[in-house]
Amino acid sequence: MAGMTWTIAPEPYDCPAAAALWRAYYTEVSDRWYLLHEGHRTEPDELEREVAAQTGAELAPPTGQLLIARYDGAPAGSAGVRLLDADTAELTRVFVYEAMRGRGGAALLVGAAEEAARALGARQLILDTRSDLVEARALYARLGYTETGPHNDDQYAEHWFRKDLSAPETVN
C-alpha cells in the first residue's frame, strides 16, 4: 500500500463517480435499516425509485458542493454540503466504500467538507444520522461534532450533530 494516496476534489453531483457512490451509499444504509427492522434487504424497486428521486442536485454550486475522494485515483468515497441559510450548512452523503474503510478517507472527506462549507460562508455545520450507524456517530464525535437536539423531522434521523466552523481548529 506504500504510495497509495487520497485526493479529494469537487465534482458534479451527476457525474458517473457520484452516481455510483450514491447508489452504494443508499444501498448500504437502506439495507442496514431493513435488515435491522424488517429482516430483509431493500426491495429492488424501492432502491431504484429512491436513487432516482434523490439526485443530489442540492449539492450543486453556488449553494452546495459534492466532494469525491479518490484512493490511488479510483473513486472511493463522497461527502456533500449544502447551505440551509446564510450561516448553516448541512453535511450529507458521507460515505466510503467498505473495502476502502480504515485508511483515513472518511476524516479527510469530512475535513474537506468543512472547508467547502466555510467557502460557502457557513459558520456552522449540522448533520443527522441513525442509531445503527455507530461508525458514523463515532467519527463525528472524534472530529469535534457535538450531539444536539433535533434540527429536522426526517423519519430516519435519530441523532443530530453540529460543529462550529468559526472556532479555531484543534489537532487531535
N, C-alpha and C. Protein backbone atom coordinates (compact mmCIF):
# COMPACT_ATOMS: atom_id res chain seq x y z
N MET A 1 0.81 -1.18 0.00
CA MET A 1 0.00 0.00 0.00
C MET A 1 0.86 1.26 0.00
N ALA A 2 2.14 1.13 0.08
CA ALA A 2 3.00 2.30 0.04
C ALA A 2 2.75 3.05 -1.25
N GLY A 3 2.67 4.38 -1.15
CA GLY A 3 2.44 5.19 -2.32
C GLY A 3 0.98 5.44 -2.64
N MET A 4 0.08 4.73 -1.99
CA MET A 4 -1.34 4.94 -2.22
C MET A 4 -1.76 6.22 -1.49
N THR A 5 -2.47 7.09 -2.17
CA THR A 5 -2.84 8.36 -1.57
C THR A 5 -4.29 8.70 -1.84
N TRP A 6 -4.83 9.53 -0.93
CA TRP A 6 -6.17 10.07 -1.07
C TRP A 6 -6.08 11.42 -1.76
N THR A 7 -7.00 11.69 -2.66
CA THR A 7 -7.22 13.03 -3.20
C THR A 7 -8.72 13.30 -3.07
N ILE A 8 -9.04 14.53 -2.76
CA ILE A 8 -10.45 14.92 -2.62
C ILE A 8 -10.65 16.19 -3.42
N ALA A 9 -11.67 16.17 -4.27
CA ALA A 9 -11.95 17.33 -5.11
C ALA A 9 -13.45 17.44 -5.38
N PRO A 10 -13.92 18.66 -5.63
CA PRO A 10 -15.32 18.83 -6.03
C PRO A 10 -15.56 18.20 -7.39
N GLU A 11 -16.72 17.59 -7.54
CA GLU A 11 -17.13 17.02 -8.82
C GLU A 11 -18.62 17.25 -8.96
N PRO A 12 -19.15 17.23 -10.18
CA PRO A 12 -20.58 17.42 -10.38
C PRO A 12 -21.39 16.32 -9.71
N TYR A 13 -22.52 16.71 -9.12
CA TYR A 13 -23.37 15.75 -8.41
C TYR A 13 -23.89 14.64 -9.33
N ASP A 14 -23.91 14.90 -10.63
CA ASP A 14 -24.45 13.91 -11.56
C ASP A 14 -23.39 13.22 -12.41
N CYS A 15 -22.13 13.31 -12.00
CA CYS A 15 -21.06 12.61 -12.73
C CYS A 15 -21.15 11.10 -12.44
N PRO A 16 -20.56 10.27 -13.29
CA PRO A 16 -20.64 8.82 -13.07
C PRO A 16 -20.11 8.36 -11.71
N ALA A 17 -19.01 8.94 -11.23
CA ALA A 17 -18.47 8.53 -9.93
C ALA A 17 -19.46 8.85 -8.82
N ALA A 18 -20.08 10.04 -8.88
CA ALA A 18 -21.06 10.42 -7.86
C ALA A 18 -22.26 9.49 -7.90
N ALA A 19 -22.73 9.15 -9.09
CA ALA A 19 -23.88 8.25 -9.22
C ALA A 19 -23.58 6.88 -8.63
N ALA A 20 -22.40 6.35 -8.89
CA ALA A 20 -22.04 5.03 -8.36
C ALA A 20 -21.90 5.08 -6.83
N LEU A 21 -21.30 6.14 -6.32
CA LEU A 21 -21.15 6.27 -4.87
C LEU A 21 -22.51 6.45 -4.19
N TRP A 22 -23.42 7.26 -4.78
CA TRP A 22 -24.74 7.44 -4.21
C TRP A 22 -25.49 6.11 -4.16
N ARG A 23 -25.42 5.34 -5.23
CA ARG A 23 -26.10 4.04 -5.26
C ARG A 23 -25.54 3.12 -4.17
N ALA A 24 -24.23 3.08 -4.01
CA ALA A 24 -23.61 2.23 -2.99
C ALA A 24 -24.00 2.71 -1.58
N TYR A 25 -23.96 4.02 -1.37
CA TYR A 25 -24.34 4.59 -0.08
C TYR A 25 -25.80 4.24 0.25
N TYR A 26 -26.70 4.55 -0.67
CA TYR A 26 -28.11 4.31 -0.41
C TYR A 26 -28.37 2.82 -0.18
N THR A 27 -27.77 1.97 -0.98
CA THR A 27 -27.96 0.53 -0.82
C THR A 27 -27.52 0.09 0.57
N GLU A 28 -26.35 0.54 1.01
CA GLU A 28 -25.84 0.12 2.32
C GLU A 28 -26.72 0.62 3.46
N VAL A 29 -27.04 1.91 3.48
CA VAL A 29 -27.81 2.41 4.63
C VAL A 29 -29.24 1.90 4.61
N SER A 30 -29.81 1.72 3.43
CA SER A 30 -31.17 1.19 3.34
C SER A 30 -31.21 -0.28 3.75
N ASP A 31 -30.26 -1.06 3.23
CA ASP A 31 -30.21 -2.48 3.61
C ASP A 31 -30.00 -2.64 5.11
N ARG A 32 -29.11 -1.84 5.69
CA ARG A 32 -28.88 -1.94 7.13
C ARG A 32 -30.17 -1.68 7.90
N TRP A 33 -30.93 -0.66 7.49
CA TRP A 33 -32.17 -0.33 8.18
C TRP A 33 -33.18 -1.47 8.04
N TYR A 34 -33.39 -1.94 6.81
CA TYR A 34 -34.38 -3.01 6.60
C TYR A 34 -33.97 -4.31 7.29
N LEU A 35 -32.69 -4.66 7.23
CA LEU A 35 -32.25 -5.89 7.90
C LEU A 35 -32.47 -5.79 9.41
N LEU A 36 -32.20 -4.64 9.98
CA LEU A 36 -32.37 -4.44 11.42
C LEU A 36 -33.84 -4.44 11.83
N HIS A 37 -34.69 -3.78 11.05
CA HIS A 37 -36.08 -3.58 11.45
C HIS A 37 -37.08 -4.56 10.84
N GLU A 38 -36.75 -5.11 9.65
CA GLU A 38 -37.72 -5.97 8.98
C GLU A 38 -37.15 -7.30 8.51
N GLY A 39 -35.85 -7.51 8.72
CA GLY A 39 -35.25 -8.80 8.41
C GLY A 39 -35.03 -9.10 6.93
N HIS A 40 -35.05 -8.07 6.10
CA HIS A 40 -34.77 -8.28 4.67
C HIS A 40 -34.06 -7.06 4.10
N ARG A 41 -33.48 -7.25 2.93
CA ARG A 41 -32.80 -6.14 2.25
C ARG A 41 -33.84 -5.25 1.56
N THR A 42 -33.38 -4.12 1.08
CA THR A 42 -34.23 -3.19 0.35
C THR A 42 -34.79 -3.86 -0.90
N GLU A 43 -36.08 -3.68 -1.13
CA GLU A 43 -36.69 -4.20 -2.35
C GLU A 43 -36.09 -3.48 -3.55
N PRO A 44 -35.76 -4.21 -4.62
CA PRO A 44 -35.12 -3.58 -5.78
C PRO A 44 -35.89 -2.40 -6.37
N ASP A 45 -37.22 -2.47 -6.42
CA ASP A 45 -37.98 -1.36 -6.99
C ASP A 45 -37.90 -0.12 -6.10
N GLU A 46 -37.88 -0.30 -4.78
CA GLU A 46 -37.71 0.84 -3.88
C GLU A 46 -36.34 1.45 -4.05
N LEU A 47 -35.31 0.61 -4.14
CA LEU A 47 -33.95 1.11 -4.33
C LEU A 47 -33.89 1.98 -5.58
N GLU A 48 -34.40 1.49 -6.69
CA GLU A 48 -34.36 2.25 -7.94
C GLU A 48 -35.15 3.56 -7.84
N ARG A 49 -36.31 3.51 -7.21
CA ARG A 49 -37.14 4.70 -7.05
C ARG A 49 -36.42 5.76 -6.21
N GLU A 50 -35.84 5.35 -5.09
CA GLU A 50 -35.17 6.31 -4.20
C GLU A 50 -33.89 6.87 -4.79
N VAL A 51 -33.11 6.03 -5.44
CA VAL A 51 -31.88 6.51 -6.08
C VAL A 51 -32.23 7.55 -7.15
N ALA A 52 -33.27 7.28 -7.93
CA ALA A 52 -33.69 8.21 -8.97
C ALA A 52 -34.24 9.51 -8.39
N ALA A 53 -34.96 9.41 -7.27
CA ALA A 53 -35.60 10.59 -6.67
C ALA A 53 -34.61 11.50 -5.97
N GLN A 54 -33.56 10.94 -5.42
CA GLN A 54 -32.57 11.72 -4.66
C GLN A 54 -31.37 12.00 -5.56
N THR A 55 -31.50 12.97 -6.44
CA THR A 55 -30.47 13.22 -7.46
C THR A 55 -29.19 13.83 -6.91
N GLY A 56 -29.29 14.57 -5.80
CA GLY A 56 -28.13 15.28 -5.29
C GLY A 56 -28.00 16.68 -5.86
N ALA A 57 -29.02 17.15 -6.58
CA ALA A 57 -28.96 18.49 -7.19
C ALA A 57 -28.74 19.59 -6.15
N GLU A 58 -29.15 19.35 -4.90
CA GLU A 58 -28.95 20.34 -3.85
C GLU A 58 -27.47 20.53 -3.51
N LEU A 59 -26.62 19.66 -4.04
CA LEU A 59 -25.19 19.75 -3.78
C LEU A 59 -24.44 20.48 -4.89
N ALA A 60 -25.18 21.14 -5.77
CA ALA A 60 -24.56 21.89 -6.87
C ALA A 60 -24.24 23.31 -6.43
N PRO A 61 -23.14 23.86 -6.94
CA PRO A 61 -22.86 25.28 -6.69
C PRO A 61 -24.01 26.13 -7.25
N PRO A 62 -24.27 27.30 -6.72
CA PRO A 62 -23.43 28.04 -5.78
C PRO A 62 -23.75 27.79 -4.31
N THR A 63 -24.77 26.97 -3.99
CA THR A 63 -25.16 26.79 -2.59
C THR A 63 -24.82 25.40 -2.05
N GLY A 64 -24.11 24.61 -2.83
CA GLY A 64 -23.73 23.27 -2.38
C GLY A 64 -22.44 22.83 -3.04
N GLN A 65 -21.94 21.71 -2.56
CA GLN A 65 -20.70 21.15 -3.11
C GLN A 65 -20.66 19.66 -2.84
N LEU A 66 -20.37 18.88 -3.86
CA LEU A 66 -20.15 17.45 -3.70
C LEU A 66 -18.66 17.20 -3.84
N LEU A 67 -18.12 16.47 -2.90
CA LEU A 67 -16.69 16.11 -2.92
C LEU A 67 -16.56 14.62 -3.16
N ILE A 68 -15.66 14.26 -4.04
CA ILE A 68 -15.37 12.86 -4.31
C ILE A 68 -13.95 12.58 -3.84
N ALA A 69 -13.82 11.55 -3.02
CA ALA A 69 -12.50 11.09 -2.58
C ALA A 69 -12.06 9.98 -3.52
N ARG A 70 -10.83 10.06 -3.92
CA ARG A 70 -10.24 9.01 -4.76
C ARG A 70 -9.03 8.46 -4.01
N TYR A 71 -8.92 7.15 -4.06
CA TYR A 71 -7.77 6.48 -3.43
C TYR A 71 -6.96 5.89 -4.57
N ASP A 72 -5.73 6.37 -4.71
CA ASP A 72 -4.87 5.97 -5.81
C ASP A 72 -5.58 6.17 -7.16
N GLY A 73 -6.36 7.25 -7.23
CA GLY A 73 -7.03 7.62 -8.47
C GLY A 73 -8.41 7.05 -8.68
N ALA A 74 -8.79 6.05 -7.91
CA ALA A 74 -10.10 5.41 -8.09
C ALA A 74 -11.12 6.00 -7.12
N PRO A 75 -12.36 6.27 -7.57
CA PRO A 75 -13.39 6.78 -6.66
C PRO A 75 -13.56 5.85 -5.47
N ALA A 76 -13.55 6.45 -4.26
CA ALA A 76 -13.61 5.65 -3.04
C ALA A 76 -14.60 6.18 -2.02
N GLY A 77 -15.03 7.43 -2.15
CA GLY A 77 -15.95 7.98 -1.17
C GLY A 77 -16.48 9.33 -1.60
N SER A 78 -17.45 9.82 -0.83
CA SER A 78 -18.04 11.11 -1.13
C SER A 78 -18.54 11.78 0.14
N ALA A 79 -18.74 13.08 0.04
CA ALA A 79 -19.38 13.89 1.08
C ALA A 79 -19.94 15.11 0.39
N GLY A 80 -21.08 15.57 0.90
CA GLY A 80 -21.69 16.76 0.34
C GLY A 80 -22.02 17.77 1.41
N VAL A 81 -22.05 19.03 1.01
CA VAL A 81 -22.52 20.11 1.88
C VAL A 81 -23.50 20.96 1.08
N ARG A 82 -24.48 21.49 1.80
CA ARG A 82 -25.42 22.43 1.18
C ARG A 82 -25.82 23.47 2.20
N LEU A 83 -25.91 24.70 1.74
CA LEU A 83 -26.33 25.78 2.62
C LEU A 83 -27.81 25.65 2.94
N LEU A 84 -28.14 25.77 4.21
CA LEU A 84 -29.53 25.80 4.64
C LEU A 84 -29.99 27.23 4.87
N ASP A 85 -29.06 28.07 5.32
CA ASP A 85 -29.29 29.51 5.46
C ASP A 85 -27.92 30.17 5.40
N ALA A 86 -27.87 31.46 5.64
CA ALA A 86 -26.62 32.20 5.46
C ALA A 86 -25.48 31.70 6.35
N ASP A 87 -25.80 31.13 7.50
CA ASP A 87 -24.78 30.71 8.46
C ASP A 87 -24.64 29.20 8.62
N THR A 88 -25.58 28.42 8.10
CA THR A 88 -25.65 26.99 8.40
C THR A 88 -25.59 26.16 7.13
N ALA A 89 -24.70 25.18 7.14
CA ALA A 89 -24.64 24.20 6.06
C ALA A 89 -24.91 22.82 6.65
N GLU A 90 -25.40 21.93 5.81
CA GLU A 90 -25.65 20.56 6.22
C GLU A 90 -24.63 19.64 5.56
N LEU A 91 -24.08 18.73 6.35
CA LEU A 91 -23.17 17.69 5.87
C LEU A 91 -24.02 16.47 5.54
N THR A 92 -23.84 15.92 4.36
CA THR A 92 -24.67 14.81 3.92
C THR A 92 -23.88 13.86 3.02
N ARG A 93 -24.43 12.68 2.84
CA ARG A 93 -23.87 11.67 1.93
C ARG A 93 -22.40 11.35 2.20
N VAL A 94 -22.02 11.34 3.48
CA VAL A 94 -20.65 10.93 3.82
C VAL A 94 -20.58 9.42 3.69
N PHE A 95 -19.70 8.96 2.82
CA PHE A 95 -19.64 7.53 2.51
C PHE A 95 -18.26 7.17 1.98
N VAL A 96 -17.77 6.02 2.40
CA VAL A 96 -16.54 5.44 1.86
C VAL A 96 -16.85 3.97 1.57
N TYR A 97 -16.46 3.53 0.37
CA TYR A 97 -16.66 2.12 0.04
C TYR A 97 -16.09 1.25 1.13
N GLU A 98 -16.78 0.17 1.45
CA GLU A 98 -16.37 -0.71 2.55
C GLU A 98 -14.92 -1.17 2.41
N ALA A 99 -14.50 -1.53 1.23
CA ALA A 99 -13.14 -2.02 1.02
C ALA A 99 -12.07 -0.96 1.26
N MET A 100 -12.50 0.31 1.29
CA MET A 100 -11.55 1.42 1.46
C MET A 100 -11.56 1.99 2.88
N ARG A 101 -12.40 1.45 3.74
CA ARG A 101 -12.51 1.97 5.10
C ARG A 101 -11.28 1.61 5.92
N GLY A 102 -11.05 2.42 6.95
CA GLY A 102 -9.91 2.19 7.83
C GLY A 102 -8.61 2.77 7.31
N ARG A 103 -8.69 3.59 6.26
CA ARG A 103 -7.49 4.18 5.66
C ARG A 103 -7.47 5.70 5.81
N GLY A 104 -8.37 6.23 6.63
CA GLY A 104 -8.38 7.67 6.91
C GLY A 104 -9.19 8.51 5.96
N GLY A 105 -9.84 7.91 5.00
CA GLY A 105 -10.57 8.67 4.00
C GLY A 105 -11.77 9.43 4.54
N ALA A 106 -12.51 8.85 5.47
CA ALA A 106 -13.71 9.50 5.99
C ALA A 106 -13.36 10.80 6.71
N ALA A 107 -12.35 10.79 7.54
CA ALA A 107 -11.94 12.01 8.24
C ALA A 107 -11.47 13.07 7.26
N LEU A 108 -10.73 12.66 6.22
CA LEU A 108 -10.29 13.61 5.21
C LEU A 108 -11.49 14.20 4.46
N LEU A 109 -12.47 13.36 4.14
CA LEU A 109 -13.68 13.86 3.47
C LEU A 109 -14.42 14.87 4.33
N VAL A 110 -14.61 14.55 5.59
CA VAL A 110 -15.33 15.47 6.48
C VAL A 110 -14.55 16.78 6.61
N GLY A 111 -13.24 16.71 6.73
CA GLY A 111 -12.42 17.92 6.79
C GLY A 111 -12.56 18.76 5.53
N ALA A 112 -12.54 18.12 4.38
CA ALA A 112 -12.71 18.84 3.12
C ALA A 112 -14.12 19.44 3.02
N ALA A 113 -15.12 18.72 3.53
CA ALA A 113 -16.49 19.23 3.53
C ALA A 113 -16.60 20.45 4.45
N GLU A 114 -15.90 20.44 5.57
CA GLU A 114 -15.90 21.60 6.46
C GLU A 114 -15.31 22.80 5.74
N GLU A 115 -14.22 22.61 5.02
CA GLU A 115 -13.62 23.70 4.25
C GLU A 115 -14.56 24.20 3.17
N ALA A 116 -15.25 23.28 2.50
CA ALA A 116 -16.21 23.67 1.47
C ALA A 116 -17.35 24.48 2.09
N ALA A 117 -17.82 24.07 3.27
CA ALA A 117 -18.89 24.80 3.95
C ALA A 117 -18.42 26.20 4.32
N ARG A 118 -17.20 26.32 4.82
CA ARG A 118 -16.64 27.65 5.13
C ARG A 118 -16.59 28.51 3.87
N ALA A 119 -16.17 27.92 2.76
CA ALA A 119 -16.08 28.66 1.50
C ALA A 119 -17.45 29.13 1.02
N LEU A 120 -18.50 28.41 1.39
CA LEU A 120 -19.87 28.82 1.06
C LEU A 120 -20.39 29.88 2.03
N GLY A 121 -19.62 30.18 3.07
CA GLY A 121 -20.00 31.20 4.04
C GLY A 121 -20.60 30.67 5.33
N ALA A 122 -20.66 29.35 5.48
CA ALA A 122 -21.27 28.77 6.68
C ALA A 122 -20.38 28.98 7.91
N ARG A 123 -21.04 29.22 9.02
CA ARG A 123 -20.35 29.34 10.30
C ARG A 123 -20.56 28.10 11.17
N GLN A 124 -21.53 27.26 10.78
CA GLN A 124 -21.76 26.01 11.49
C GLN A 124 -22.17 24.94 10.49
N LEU A 125 -21.84 23.71 10.83
CA LEU A 125 -22.18 22.56 10.00
C LEU A 125 -23.03 21.64 10.86
N ILE A 126 -24.18 21.19 10.31
CA ILE A 126 -25.06 20.29 11.03
C ILE A 126 -25.23 19.01 10.21
N LEU A 127 -25.66 17.96 10.88
CA LEU A 127 -25.92 16.69 10.20
C LEU A 127 -26.85 15.86 11.05
N ASP A 128 -27.43 14.84 10.42
CA ASP A 128 -28.19 13.86 11.18
C ASP A 128 -27.76 12.47 10.76
N THR A 129 -28.00 11.51 11.65
CA THR A 129 -27.67 10.12 11.36
C THR A 129 -28.58 9.22 12.19
N ARG A 130 -28.39 7.94 12.04
CA ARG A 130 -29.23 6.96 12.75
C ARG A 130 -28.44 6.28 13.86
N SER A 131 -29.18 5.66 14.78
CA SER A 131 -28.55 4.94 15.89
C SER A 131 -27.70 3.77 15.43
N ASP A 132 -28.16 3.04 14.39
CA ASP A 132 -27.41 1.87 13.94
C ASP A 132 -26.14 2.22 13.18
N LEU A 133 -25.96 3.46 12.79
CA LEU A 133 -24.74 3.87 12.08
C LEU A 133 -23.70 4.32 13.11
N VAL A 134 -23.31 3.37 13.95
CA VAL A 134 -22.41 3.67 15.07
C VAL A 134 -21.05 4.16 14.61
N GLU A 135 -20.59 3.68 13.47
CA GLU A 135 -19.28 4.12 12.96
C GLU A 135 -19.34 5.61 12.62
N ALA A 136 -20.42 6.04 12.01
CA ALA A 136 -20.58 7.44 11.65
C ALA A 136 -20.63 8.31 12.91
N ARG A 137 -21.41 7.89 13.89
CA ARG A 137 -21.52 8.67 15.12
C ARG A 137 -20.17 8.79 15.81
N ALA A 138 -19.40 7.72 15.83
CA ALA A 138 -18.06 7.76 16.44
C ALA A 138 -17.14 8.71 15.66
N LEU A 139 -17.21 8.66 14.35
CA LEU A 139 -16.39 9.55 13.52
C LEU A 139 -16.71 11.00 13.83
N TYR A 140 -17.99 11.36 13.83
CA TYR A 140 -18.36 12.75 14.06
C TYR A 140 -17.93 13.22 15.45
N ALA A 141 -18.10 12.39 16.45
CA ALA A 141 -17.67 12.76 17.80
C ALA A 141 -16.15 12.97 17.84
N ARG A 142 -15.41 12.07 17.19
CA ARG A 142 -13.96 12.18 17.16
C ARG A 142 -13.50 13.45 16.45
N LEU A 143 -14.28 13.92 15.49
CA LEU A 143 -13.91 15.10 14.71
C LEU A 143 -14.46 16.40 15.30
N GLY A 144 -14.99 16.34 16.52
CA GLY A 144 -15.40 17.55 17.21
C GLY A 144 -16.84 17.96 17.05
N TYR A 145 -17.67 17.09 16.53
CA TYR A 145 -19.10 17.39 16.42
C TYR A 145 -19.76 17.10 17.75
N THR A 146 -20.72 17.95 18.11
CA THR A 146 -21.45 17.83 19.37
C THR A 146 -22.87 17.37 19.06
N GLU A 147 -23.33 16.37 19.81
CA GLU A 147 -24.71 15.93 19.62
C GLU A 147 -25.65 16.99 20.17
N THR A 148 -26.72 17.28 19.42
CA THR A 148 -27.67 18.33 19.77
C THR A 148 -29.09 17.77 19.70
N GLY A 149 -30.04 18.63 19.95
CA GLY A 149 -31.43 18.26 19.75
C GLY A 149 -31.75 18.24 18.26
N PRO A 150 -32.93 17.74 17.91
CA PRO A 150 -33.31 17.63 16.50
C PRO A 150 -33.34 18.99 15.79
N HIS A 151 -32.86 18.99 14.55
CA HIS A 151 -32.97 20.18 13.71
C HIS A 151 -33.82 19.89 12.47
N ASN A 152 -34.35 18.68 12.38
CA ASN A 152 -35.27 18.33 11.29
C ASN A 152 -36.21 17.23 11.78
N ASP A 153 -37.14 16.85 10.91
CA ASP A 153 -38.07 15.80 11.29
C ASP A 153 -37.97 14.60 10.35
N ASP A 154 -36.78 14.38 9.80
CA ASP A 154 -36.54 13.23 8.93
C ASP A 154 -36.89 11.95 9.69
N GLN A 155 -37.68 11.09 9.06
CA GLN A 155 -38.15 9.89 9.75
C GLN A 155 -37.02 8.94 10.13
N TYR A 156 -35.87 9.02 9.47
CA TYR A 156 -34.76 8.13 9.78
C TYR A 156 -33.70 8.78 10.68
N ALA A 157 -33.83 10.07 10.95
CA ALA A 157 -32.86 10.76 11.79
C ALA A 157 -33.13 10.44 13.25
N GLU A 158 -32.08 10.00 13.94
CA GLU A 158 -32.19 9.67 15.37
C GLU A 158 -31.15 10.41 16.21
N HIS A 159 -30.13 10.93 15.55
CA HIS A 159 -29.07 11.69 16.22
C HIS A 159 -28.73 12.88 15.35
N TRP A 160 -28.56 14.04 16.00
CA TRP A 160 -28.25 15.27 15.30
C TRP A 160 -26.98 15.84 15.90
N PHE A 161 -26.11 16.35 15.03
CA PHE A 161 -24.82 16.89 15.44
C PHE A 161 -24.62 18.27 14.82
N ARG A 162 -23.74 19.04 15.45
CA ARG A 162 -23.32 20.33 14.90
C ARG A 162 -21.87 20.57 15.24
N LYS A 163 -21.24 21.41 14.42
CA LYS A 163 -19.87 21.84 14.68
C LYS A 163 -19.77 23.31 14.31
N ASP A 164 -19.16 24.08 15.20
CA ASP A 164 -18.92 25.50 14.97
C ASP A 164 -17.71 25.61 14.05
N LEU A 165 -17.90 26.15 12.87
CA LEU A 165 -16.80 26.27 11.91
C LEU A 165 -15.99 27.53 12.11
N SER A 166 -16.45 28.43 12.97
CA SER A 166 -15.69 29.66 13.20
C SER A 166 -14.69 29.52 14.33
N ALA A 167 -14.79 28.40 15.09
CA ALA A 167 -13.85 28.17 16.18
C ALA A 167 -12.51 27.72 15.60
N PRO A 168 -11.41 28.09 16.26
CA PRO A 168 -10.11 27.61 15.77
C PRO A 168 -10.03 26.09 15.84
N GLU A 169 -9.42 25.52 14.84
CA GLU A 169 -9.27 24.06 14.78
C GLU A 169 -8.22 23.59 15.78
N THR A 170 -8.49 22.45 16.40
CA THR A 170 -7.51 21.82 17.27
C THR A 170 -7.09 20.51 16.64
N VAL A 171 -5.84 20.19 16.78
CA VAL A 171 -5.33 18.95 16.20
C VAL A 171 -5.47 17.84 17.23
N ASN A 172 -6.11 16.74 16.82
CA ASN A 172 -6.29 15.59 17.74
C ASN A 172 -5.16 14.62 17.60
